[in-house]
Amino acid sequence: MGNALGHFKTVCHHRHCVIRHCAKAGILWQGLFHDLSKFSPTEFIPGAKYYQGNRSPNEAEREAYGYSLAWMHHKGRNKHHFEYWTDYSPVTKRMEGVKMPLRYVKEMVCDRIAASKTYRGAEYTDSDPLNYFLKGRTTRIIHPETAALLEKILRMLSEEGEDKMFEYLRSLRSY
């Protein structure tokens, strides 16, 4: 029961943080519907089972089974994850990233900041989301333009702070 309550509190803390960030980014409506699939049995039960409080329970589920069913369910229902935006290329016959719509890039930024704040707690710095992004840069499948925009925004956060970064997000109309 303790893991279920801890997981519930973590998910709610994260969602509320995303909602606040989405409001600052000018996409409040998206924030209100952010990550509702985490309350589905497919995601919530493994989340509670593998809850640790300092990282995503999907990581622990992946370590236990070699994959995470909760993550596969989540990324297939939430368009703010770049993993949602992959498909087989008719040209290369390989899985490739599809350019994400800007509204979901903005939500992805809000999600990454909120996740860093949730798991890093008092140790959070504005460089954490960028560092996390850079750490996985060689292994992810993401459209090059989406990756470039995400990195630009996270660098702005790291170097100029949240106020400047959210101002920039509100000003974006295309990329």
C-alpha atoms as a PDB file:
ATOM      1  CA  MET A   1       0.000   0.000   0.000  1.00  0.00           C
ATOM      2  CA  GLY A   2       2.896   2.356   0.775  1.00  0.00           C
ATOM      3  CA  ASN A   3       4.243   2.026  -2.759  1.00  0.00           C
ATOM      4  CA  ALA A   4       0.809   2.745  -4.259  1.00  0.00           C
ATOM      5  CA  LEU A   5       0.412   5.866  -2.162  1.00  0.00           C
ATOM      6  CA  GLY A   6       3.965   7.013  -2.856  1.00  0.00           C
ATOM      7  CA  HIS A   7       3.493   6.431  -6.590  1.00  0.00           C
ATOM      8  CA  PHE A   8       0.142   8.257  -6.553  1.00  0.00           C
ATOM      9  CA  LYS A   9       1.686  11.248  -4.777  1.00  0.00           C
ATOM     10  CA  THR A  10       4.627  11.316  -7.213  1.00  0.00           C
ATOM     11  CA  VAL A  11       2.352  11.158 -10.269  1.00  0.00           C
ATOM     12  CA  CYS A  12       0.119  13.914  -8.870  1.00  0.00           C
ATOM     13  CA  HIS A  13       3.108  16.115  -7.958  1.00  0.00           C
ATOM     14  CA  HIS A  14       4.521  15.655 -11.458  1.00  0.00           C
ATOM     15  CA  ARG A  15       1.162  16.378 -13.158  1.00  0.00           C
ATOM     16  CA  HIS A  16       0.576  19.534 -11.121  1.00  0.00           C
ATOM     17  CA  CYS A  17       4.067  20.748 -11.976  1.00  0.00           C
ATOM     18  CA  VAL A  18       3.422  20.064 -15.691  1.00  0.00           C
ATOM     19  CA  ILE A  19       0.104  21.936 -15.475  1.00  0.00           C
ATOM     20  CA  ARG A  20       1.856  24.987 -13.989  1.00  0.00           C
ATOM     21  CA  HIS A  21       4.562  24.845 -16.664  1.00  0.00           C
ATOM     22  CA  CYS A  22       2.041  24.403 -19.473  1.00  0.00           C
ATOM     23  CA  ALA A  23       0.190  27.491 -18.227  1.00  0.00           C
ATOM     24  CA  LYS A  24       3.448  29.451 -18.384  1.00  0.00           C
ATOM     25  CA  ALA A  25       4.090  28.070 -21.893  1.00  0.00           C
ATOM     26  CA  GLY A  26       0.633  29.137 -23.099  1.00  0.00           C
ATOM     27  CA  ILE A  27      -0.785  25.605 -23.434  1.00  0.00           C
ATOM     28  CA  LEU A  28      -2.791  25.223 -20.218  1.00  0.00           C
ATOM     29  CA  TRP A  29      -5.437  22.991 -21.815  1.00  0.00           C
ATOM     30  CA  GLN A  30      -2.785  20.403 -22.724  1.00  0.00           C
ATOM     31  CA  GLY A  31      -1.416  20.535 -19.214  1.00  0.00           C
ATOM     32  CA  LEU A  32      -4.825  19.732 -17.761  1.00  0.00           C
ATOM     33  CA  PHE A  33      -4.955  16.486 -19.768  1.00  0.00           C
ATOM     34  CA  HIS A  34      -1.274  15.608 -19.335  1.00  0.00           C
ATOM     35  CA  ASP A  35      -0.445  11.965 -18.464  1.00  0.00           C
ATOM     36  CA  LEU A  36      -3.953  10.871 -17.507  1.00  0.00           C
ATOM     37  CA  SER A  37      -3.050   7.390 -18.780  1.00  0.00           C
ATOM     38  CA  LYS A  38      -0.802   7.005 -15.708  1.00  0.00           C
ATOM     39  CA  PHE A  39      -3.981   6.352 -13.724  1.00  0.00           C
ATOM     40  CA  SER A  40      -4.983   3.410 -15.933  1.00  0.00           C
ATOM     41  CA  PRO A  41      -4.403  -0.069 -14.433  1.00  0.00           C
ATOM     42  CA  THR A  42      -1.873  -0.878 -17.176  1.00  0.00           C
ATOM     43  CA  GLU A  43       0.377   1.950 -16.000  1.00  0.00           C
ATOM     44  CA  PHE A  44      -0.587   2.507 -12.370  1.00  0.00           C
ATOM     45  CA  ILE A  45      -0.194  -1.071 -11.081  1.00  0.00           C
ATOM     46  CA  PRO A  46       3.390  -1.532 -12.382  1.00  0.00           C
ATOM     47  CA  GLY A  47       4.125   2.046 -11.300  1.00  0.00           C
ATOM     48  CA  ALA A  48       3.140   1.184  -7.738  1.00  0.00           C
ATOM     49  CA  LYS A  49       4.928  -2.184  -7.844  1.00  0.00           C
ATOM     50  CA  TYR A  50       8.237  -0.667  -9.029  1.00  0.00           C
ATOM     51  CA  TYR A  51       7.955   2.683  -7.242  1.00  0.00           C
ATOM     52  CA  GLN A  52      11.191   3.913  -5.658  1.00  0.00           C
ATOM     53  CA  GLY A  53      10.584   7.656  -5.460  1.00  0.00           C
ATOM     54  CA  ASN A  54      13.838   8.802  -7.049  1.00  0.00           C
ATOM     55  CA  ARG A  55      13.384   7.600 -10.645  1.00  0.00           C
ATOM     56  CA  SER A  56      10.746   6.347 -13.019  1.00  0.00           C
ATOM     57  CA  PRO A  57       9.283   2.984 -12.031  1.00  0.00           C
ATOM     58  CA  ASN A  58       9.456   2.113 -15.747  1.00  0.00           C
ATOM     59  CA  GLU A  59      13.233   1.813 -15.343  1.00  0.00           C
ATOM     60  CA  ALA A  60      12.838  -0.821 -12.614  1.00  0.00           C
ATOM     61  CA  GLU A  61      10.198  -2.705 -14.607  1.00  0.00           C
ATOM     62  CA  ARG A  62      12.601  -2.663 -17.577  1.00  0.00           C
ATOM     63  CA  GLU A  63      15.386  -4.036 -15.386  1.00  0.00           C
ATOM     64  CA  ALA A  64      13.110  -6.846 -14.164  1.00  0.00           C
ATOM     65  CA  TYR A  65      11.743  -7.951 -17.554  1.00  0.00           C
ATOM     66  CA  GLY A  66      13.916  -6.367 -20.224  1.00  0.00           C
ATOM     67  CA  TYR A  67      11.033  -4.088 -21.252  1.00  0.00           C
ATOM     68  CA  SER A  68       8.305  -1.998 -19.651  1.00  0.00           C
ATOM     69  CA  LEU A  69       4.705  -2.674 -20.616  1.00  0.00           C
ATOM     70  CA  ALA A  70       3.666   0.424 -18.679  1.00  0.00           C
ATOM     71  CA  TRP A  71       6.014   2.571 -20.785  1.00  0.00           C
ATOM     72  CA  MET A  72       4.876   1.033 -24.063  1.00  0.00           C
ATOM     73  CA  HIS A  73       1.274   1.778 -23.076  1.00  0.00           C
ATOM     74  CA  HIS A  74       2.189   5.317 -21.985  1.00  0.00           C
ATOM     75  CA  LYS A  75       4.225   6.388 -25.009  1.00  0.00           C
ATOM     76  CA  GLY A  76       1.559   5.089 -27.381  1.00  0.00           C
ATOM     77  CA  ARG A  77      -1.108   7.334 -25.837  1.00  0.00           C
ATOM     78  CA  ASN A  78       0.755  10.536 -25.040  1.00  0.00           C
ATOM     79  CA  LYS A  79       1.827  12.651 -27.997  1.00  0.00           C
ATOM     80  CA  HIS A  80       4.280  14.737 -25.955  1.00  0.00           C
ATOM     81  CA  HIS A  81       6.755  11.831 -26.063  1.00  0.00           C
ATOM     82  CA  PHE A  82       9.048  11.799 -29.087  1.00  0.00           C
ATOM     83  CA  GLU A  83       8.807   8.000 -29.036  1.00  0.00           C
ATOM     84  CA  TYR A  84       5.153   8.361 -30.085  1.00  0.00           C
ATOM     85  CA  TRP A  85       6.379  10.104 -33.241  1.00  0.00           C
ATOM     86  CA  THR A  86       8.265   7.227 -34.880  1.00  0.00           C
ATOM     87  CA  ASP A  87       7.337   5.235 -37.940  1.00  0.00           C
ATOM     88  CA  TYR A  88       8.904   3.081 -40.617  1.00  0.00           C
ATOM     89  CA  SER A  89      10.318   5.135 -43.454  1.00  0.00           C
ATOM     90  CA  PRO A  90       9.174   3.989 -46.890  1.00  0.00           C
ATOM     91  CA  VAL A  91      12.559   5.105 -48.206  1.00  0.00           C
ATOM     92  CA  THR A  92      14.991   3.540 -45.721  1.00  0.00           C
ATOM     93  CA  LYS A  93      12.687   0.754 -44.436  1.00  0.00           C
ATOM     94  CA  ARG A  94      13.894   1.648 -40.940  1.00  0.00           C
ATOM     95  CA  MET A  95      12.245   3.172 -37.899  1.00  0.00           C
ATOM     96  CA  GLU A  96      12.750   6.953 -37.996  1.00  0.00           C
ATOM     97  CA  GLY A  97      11.604   9.972 -36.073  1.00  0.00           C
ATOM     98  CA  VAL A  98       8.699  12.018 -37.408  1.00  0.00           C
ATOM     99  CA  LYS A  99       8.768  15.790 -36.872  1.00  0.00           C
ATOM    100  CA  MET A 100       6.620  16.549 -33.835  1.00  0.00           C
ATOM    101  CA  PRO A 101       3.923  19.230 -33.931  1.00  0.00           C
ATOM    102  CA  LEU A 102       5.054  22.287 -31.970  1.00  0.00           C
ATOM    103  CA  ARG A 103       2.284  22.032 -29.352  1.00  0.00           C
ATOM    104  CA  TYR A 104       3.616  18.610 -28.293  1.00  0.00           C
ATOM    105  CA  VAL A 105       7.225  19.813 -28.268  1.00  0.00           C
ATOM    106  CA  LYS A 106       6.146  22.535 -25.841  1.00  0.00           C
ATOM    107  CA  GLU A 107       4.398  19.976 -23.638  1.00  0.00           C
ATOM    108  CA  MET A 108       7.458  17.695 -23.835  1.00  0.00           C
ATOM    109  CA  VAL A 109       9.628  20.537 -22.505  1.00  0.00           C
ATOM    110  CA  CYS A 110       7.210  21.128 -19.631  1.00  0.00           C
ATOM    111  CA  ASP A 111       7.180  17.380 -18.917  1.00  0.00           C
ATOM    112  CA  ARG A 112      10.978  17.107 -18.884  1.00  0.00           C
ATOM    113  CA  ILE A 113      11.361  20.026 -16.501  1.00  0.00           C
ATOM    114  CA  ALA A 114       8.654  18.673 -14.201  1.00  0.00           C
ATOM    115  CA  ALA A 115      10.198  15.176 -14.207  1.00  0.00           C
ATOM    116  CA  SER A 116      13.599  16.618 -13.297  1.00  0.00           C
ATOM    117  CA  LYS A 117      12.066  18.675 -10.499  1.00  0.00           C
ATOM    118  CA  THR A 118      10.067  15.702  -9.224  1.00  0.00           C
ATOM    119  CA  TYR A 119      12.953  13.240  -9.121  1.00  0.00           C
ATOM    120  CA  ARG A 120      15.796  15.653  -8.241  1.00  0.00           C
ATOM    121  CA  GLY A 121      13.819  17.525  -5.575  1.00  0.00           C
ATOM    122  CA  ALA A 122      15.892  20.135  -3.735  1.00  0.00           C
ATOM    123  CA  GLU A 123      18.941  19.228  -5.862  1.00  0.00           C
ATOM    124  CA  TYR A 124      17.212  20.362  -9.083  1.00  0.00           C
ATOM    125  CA  THR A 125      18.997  22.898 -11.266  1.00  0.00           C
ATOM    126  CA  ASP A 126      17.903  24.389 -14.579  1.00  0.00           C
ATOM    127  CA  SER A 127      20.680  22.346 -16.222  1.00  0.00           C
ATOM    128  CA  ASP A 128      19.175  18.975 -15.229  1.00  0.00           C
ATOM    129  CA  PRO A 129      16.710  18.628 -18.150  1.00  0.00           C
ATOM    130  CA  LEU A 130      19.466  19.470 -20.668  1.00  0.00           C
ATOM    131  CA  ASN A 131      21.919  17.051 -19.046  1.00  0.00           C
ATOM    132  CA  TYR A 132      19.325  14.277 -19.174  1.00  0.00           C
ATOM    133  CA  PHE A 133      18.649  15.029 -22.853  1.00  0.00           C
ATOM    134  CA  LEU A 134      22.343  15.071 -23.755  1.00  0.00           C
ATOM    135  CA  LYS A 135      23.002  11.814 -21.902  1.00  0.00           C
ATOM    136  CA  GLY A 136      20.676   9.905 -24.246  1.00  0.00           C
ATOM    137  CA  ARG A 137      21.389  11.755 -27.471  1.00  0.00           C
ATOM    138  CA  THR A 138      23.234   8.908 -29.236  1.00  0.00           C
ATOM    139  CA  THR A 139      20.608   6.240 -28.608  1.00  0.00           C
ATOM    140  CA  ARG A 140      17.256   7.925 -29.277  1.00  0.00           C
ATOM    141  CA  ILE A 141      15.181   7.932 -32.439  1.00  0.00           C
ATOM    142  CA  ILE A 142      13.918  11.488 -32.842  1.00  0.00           C
ATOM    143  CA  HIS A 143      13.449  13.726 -35.865  1.00  0.00           C
ATOM    144  CA  PRO A 144      16.538  15.960 -36.285  1.00  0.00           C
ATOM    145  CA  GLU A 145      14.512  19.207 -36.315  1.00  0.00           C
ATOM    146  CA  THR A 146      12.605  18.178 -33.196  1.00  0.00           C
ATOM    147  CA  ALA A 147      15.869  17.248 -31.458  1.00  0.00           C
ATOM    148  CA  ALA A 148      17.480  20.559 -32.443  1.00  0.00           C
ATOM    149  CA  LEU A 149      14.530  22.594 -31.166  1.00  0.00           C
ATOM    150  CA  LEU A 150      14.355  20.629 -27.912  1.00  0.00           C
ATOM    151  CA  GLU A 151      18.081  21.098 -27.320  1.00  0.00           C
ATOM    152  CA  LYS A 152      17.840  24.830 -28.099  1.00  0.00           C
ATOM    153  CA  ILE A 153      15.009  25.262 -25.583  1.00  0.00           C
ATOM    154  CA  LEU A 154      16.743  23.214 -22.882  1.00  0.00           C
ATOM    155  CA  ARG A 155      19.985  25.169 -23.408  1.00  0.00           C
ATOM    156  CA  MET A 156      18.027  28.391 -23.006  1.00  0.00           C
ATOM    157  CA  LEU A 157      16.598  27.049 -19.735  1.00  0.00           C
ATOM    158  CA  SER A 158      20.079  26.060 -18.545  1.00  0.00           C
ATOM    159  CA  GLU A 159      21.769  29.317 -19.504  1.00  0.00           C
ATOM    160  CA  GLU A 160      19.014  31.947 -19.145  1.00  0.00           C
ATOM    161  CA  GLY A 161      16.467  30.450 -16.726  1.00  0.00           C
ATOM    162  CA  GLU A 162      12.800  29.557 -16.727  1.00  0.00           C
ATOM    163  CA  ASP A 163      11.334  33.019 -17.277  1.00  0.00           C
ATOM    164  CA  LYS A 164      13.245  33.571 -20.515  1.00  0.00           C
ATOM    165  CA  MET A 165      12.610  30.021 -21.697  1.00  0.00           C
ATOM    166  CA  PHE A 166       8.836  30.180 -21.068  1.00  0.00           C
ATOM    167  CA  GLU A 167       8.698  33.571 -22.798  1.00  0.00           C
ATOM    168  CA  TYR A 168      10.368  31.939 -25.804  1.00  0.00           C
ATOM    169  CA  LEU A 169       7.957  28.969 -25.738  1.00  0.00           C
ATOM    170  CA  ARG A 170       4.966  31.335 -25.746  1.00  0.00           C
ATOM    171  CA  SER A 171       6.406  33.175 -28.737  1.00  0.00           C
ATOM    172  CA  LEU A 172       6.957  30.077 -30.905  1.00  0.00           C
ATOM    173  CA  ARG A 173       4.490  29.659 -33.759  1.00  0.00           C
ATOM    174  CA  SER A 174       6.392  27.135 -35.886  1.00  0.00           C
ATOM    175  CA  TYR A 175       9.773  25.533 -36.359  1.00  0.00           C
END
